[in-house]
Amino acid sequence: MTPQIIWQQNSDNPENGANLAKISKFWTALNNRKVSWRQRIIPPSGNVQKIDWEWQRFDEEFKLQNPQVRGITLYWQKPDTDQERSTTPWKLGLDTQQLQAYIYPQSQKNLVIRVGIPEVIYQKLEITNPQWESDYQGENYVITLRDKQQQIEVKLTLSPENLAQLKENIPG
């Protein structure tokens, strides 16, 4: 489970105030940082874990300017504008591993906004039944995979710990 810090309006959670302070600190630390801004409708089931956060047409990336929290309202500006924007949430969440804030606006109870550091997008390769070879280089184990059809070569260098973990996870 991803570490989450939750603040919710009118909550009796004794950590609620401290959680708002932690989320506020994260929000203000985004000043002049490039952020990913994504808005999604919460599914009828209410299960936000099922939301597809893949890039969509109206998603944005921009440098967040002057992020502030006053009371429980979040304020910010987009680059090249003096217009201050704001939203007052009924709930806030912070994913401390992925560095993403989740804003649930009071004005639209069925909406969630995810704001945070843009995630790394990995290039994905699929190789089926590649040619392979392996050997030790010093204490490390090196596996080379080749797909002649795609003309791809992938070299994996595994530490003794990584090799032991790989052996452990491969069904025997």
Protein backbone atom coordinates (compact mmCIF):
# COMPACT_ATOMS: atom_id res chain seq x y z
CA MET A 1 0.00 0.00 0.00
CA THR A 2 1.31 3.42 -0.93
CA PRO A 3 2.01 5.69 2.05
CA GLN A 4 -0.80 8.24 2.12
CA ILE A 5 -1.26 11.30 4.27
CA ILE A 6 -4.93 12.28 4.40
CA TRP A 7 -6.58 15.48 5.56
CA GLN A 8 -10.37 15.70 5.55
CA GLN A 9 -12.60 18.59 6.48
CA ASN A 10 -14.44 18.09 9.80
CA SER A 11 -12.49 14.90 10.54
CA ASP A 12 -12.05 13.84 14.16
CA ASN A 13 -8.69 12.23 13.32
CA PRO A 14 -6.21 13.65 15.88
CA GLU A 15 -3.56 13.80 13.10
CA ASN A 16 -5.80 15.86 10.79
CA GLY A 17 -4.13 19.22 11.55
CA ALA A 18 -0.62 17.78 11.29
CA ASN A 19 -1.55 16.09 8.01
CA LEU A 20 -2.79 19.40 6.58
CA ALA A 21 0.52 20.99 7.61
CA LYS A 22 2.50 18.22 5.84
CA ILE A 23 0.41 18.52 2.68
CA SER A 24 0.72 22.33 2.79
CA LYS A 25 4.49 22.02 3.04
CA PHE A 26 4.52 19.74 -0.03
CA TRP A 27 2.23 22.14 -1.93
CA THR A 28 4.38 25.21 -1.27
CA ALA A 29 7.56 23.27 -2.10
CA LEU A 30 6.23 22.88 -5.67
CA ASN A 31 6.98 26.57 -6.34
CA ASN A 32 8.64 26.99 -9.77
CA ARG A 33 8.62 23.22 -10.28
CA LYS A 34 7.21 21.54 -13.34
CA VAL A 35 4.07 19.68 -12.30
CA SER A 36 1.65 17.29 -13.90
CA TRP A 37 -1.99 18.43 -13.43
CA ARG A 38 -4.64 15.79 -14.06
CA GLN A 39 -8.35 15.89 -13.29
CA ARG A 40 -10.58 12.83 -13.23
CA ILE A 41 -14.19 12.04 -12.43
CA ILE A 42 -14.43 9.74 -9.41
CA PRO A 43 -16.09 6.47 -10.53
CA PRO A 44 -19.64 5.79 -9.27
CA SER A 45 -18.19 3.09 -6.99
CA GLY A 46 -16.16 5.82 -5.29
CA ASN A 47 -13.02 3.66 -5.66
CA VAL A 48 -10.32 6.14 -6.66
CA GLN A 49 -7.83 3.25 -6.89
CA LYS A 50 -9.52 2.32 -10.20
CA ILE A 51 -8.89 5.73 -11.83
CA ASP A 52 -6.82 5.66 -15.02
CA TRP A 53 -4.13 8.33 -14.61
CA GLU A 54 -2.61 7.78 -18.06
CA TRP A 55 -2.13 11.01 -20.03
CA GLN A 56 -5.38 12.39 -21.49
CA ARG A 57 -6.22 15.30 -23.76
CA PHE A 58 -6.89 17.98 -21.13
CA ASP A 59 -4.04 17.05 -18.79
CA GLU A 60 -1.36 19.69 -18.37
CA GLU A 61 2.26 20.10 -17.40
CA PHE A 62 3.44 23.53 -16.32
CA LYS A 63 5.63 25.32 -13.78
CA LEU A 64 3.51 25.95 -10.71
CA GLN A 65 3.88 29.54 -9.49
CA ASN A 66 3.31 30.86 -5.96
CA PRO A 67 1.57 27.83 -4.46
CA GLN A 68 0.15 28.73 -1.06
CA VAL A 69 -2.32 27.39 1.46
CA ARG A 70 -4.44 29.93 3.30
CA GLY A 71 -6.83 28.34 5.74
CA ILE A 72 -7.77 25.20 3.82
CA THR A 73 -7.76 26.82 0.37
CA LEU A 74 -4.99 26.05 -2.11
CA TYR A 75 -3.77 28.95 -4.27
CA TRP A 76 -1.47 28.98 -7.29
CA GLN A 77 -0.70 30.66 -10.59
CA LYS A 78 0.24 29.38 -13.99
CA PRO A 79 3.30 30.84 -15.73
CA ASP A 80 2.92 34.11 -17.64
CA THR A 81 -0.24 35.18 -15.81
CA ASP A 82 -1.00 37.31 -12.80
CA GLN A 83 -4.33 35.57 -12.28
CA GLU A 84 -4.38 33.73 -8.97
CA ARG A 85 -6.34 30.49 -9.01
CA SER A 86 -7.68 28.60 -6.05
CA THR A 87 -9.68 25.63 -4.90
CA THR A 88 -11.05 24.76 -1.50
CA PRO A 89 -10.95 21.02 -0.88
CA TRP A 90 -13.14 18.83 1.28
CA LYS A 91 -10.32 16.29 1.28
CA LEU A 92 -6.60 16.19 0.45
CA GLY A 93 -4.28 13.25 0.02
CA LEU A 94 -0.52 13.04 -0.38
CA ASP A 95 1.28 10.04 -1.84
CA THR A 96 4.68 10.37 -0.19
CA GLN A 97 6.39 7.87 -2.51
CA GLN A 98 5.13 9.11 -5.87
CA LEU A 99 5.09 12.77 -4.74
CA GLN A 100 1.51 13.33 -5.86
CA ALA A 101 -1.14 15.43 -4.11
CA TYR A 102 -4.79 14.50 -4.53
CA ILE A 103 -7.24 17.40 -4.27
CA TYR A 104 -10.97 16.78 -3.84
CA PRO A 105 -12.67 20.16 -4.51
CA GLN A 106 -15.71 21.18 -2.46
CA SER A 107 -17.22 22.71 -5.61
CA GLN A 108 -17.19 19.37 -7.50
CA LYS A 109 -17.61 16.43 -5.13
CA ASN A 110 -17.23 13.89 -7.96
CA LEU A 111 -13.84 15.23 -9.10
CA VAL A 112 -10.28 14.51 -8.01
CA ILE A 113 -7.24 16.49 -9.16
CA ARG A 114 -3.79 14.90 -9.03
CA VAL A 115 -0.88 17.35 -8.93
CA GLY A 116 2.72 16.38 -8.57
CA ILE A 117 6.10 15.78 -10.02
CA PRO A 118 5.71 14.29 -13.51
CA GLU A 119 6.40 10.60 -13.36
CA VAL A 120 9.17 8.96 -15.31
CA ILE A 121 7.86 7.34 -18.48
CA TYR A 122 9.83 4.23 -19.28
CA GLN A 123 10.42 3.04 -22.80
CA LYS A 124 8.98 -0.46 -22.97
CA LEU A 125 10.47 -3.27 -25.02
CA GLU A 126 8.95 -6.68 -25.53
CA ILE A 127 11.25 -9.48 -26.58
CA THR A 128 9.88 -13.00 -27.01
CA ASN A 129 12.31 -15.92 -26.81
CA PRO A 130 15.47 -13.88 -27.38
CA GLN A 131 18.91 -15.25 -27.96
CA TRP A 132 20.85 -14.89 -24.75
CA GLU A 133 24.22 -15.36 -23.17
CA SER A 134 25.51 -14.84 -19.67
CA ASP A 135 28.81 -14.55 -17.87
CA TYR A 136 30.40 -13.10 -14.77
CA GLN A 137 32.21 -9.76 -14.87
CA GLY A 138 33.99 -9.49 -11.57
CA GLU A 139 31.40 -10.18 -8.87
CA ASN A 140 28.50 -9.16 -11.14
CA TYR A 141 26.49 -11.45 -13.39
CA VAL A 142 25.84 -10.13 -16.91
CA ILE A 143 22.97 -11.34 -19.09
CA THR A 144 22.80 -10.23 -22.71
CA LEU A 145 19.48 -10.61 -24.58
CA ARG A 146 19.25 -10.23 -28.37
CA ASP A 147 16.29 -10.04 -30.72
CA LYS A 148 17.62 -10.24 -34.29
CA GLN A 149 14.26 -9.40 -35.84
CA GLN A 150 13.94 -6.09 -33.93
CA GLN A 151 17.73 -5.60 -33.90
CA ILE A 152 17.72 -5.02 -30.14
CA GLU A 153 20.38 -5.96 -27.62
CA VAL A 154 19.78 -5.54 -23.90
CA LYS A 155 22.58 -6.00 -21.38
CA LEU A 156 21.63 -6.63 -17.73
CA THR A 157 24.29 -6.33 -15.06
CA LEU A 158 23.19 -7.90 -11.80
CA SER A 159 24.88 -7.57 -8.44
CA PRO A 160 25.13 -10.78 -6.39
CA GLU A 161 22.09 -9.59 -4.39
CA ASN A 162 20.03 -8.90 -7.54
CA LEU A 163 21.02 -12.28 -8.99
CA ALA A 164 19.97 -14.07 -5.78
CA GLN A 165 16.63 -12.21 -5.85
CA LEU A 166 16.10 -13.14 -9.52
CA LYS A 167 16.82 -16.81 -8.80
CA GLU A 168 14.40 -16.67 -5.87
CA ASN A 169 11.58 -15.19 -7.98
CA ILE A 170 11.89 -17.49 -11.00
CA PRO A 171 9.62 -20.52 -10.60
CA GLY A 172 11.75 -23.65 -10.66
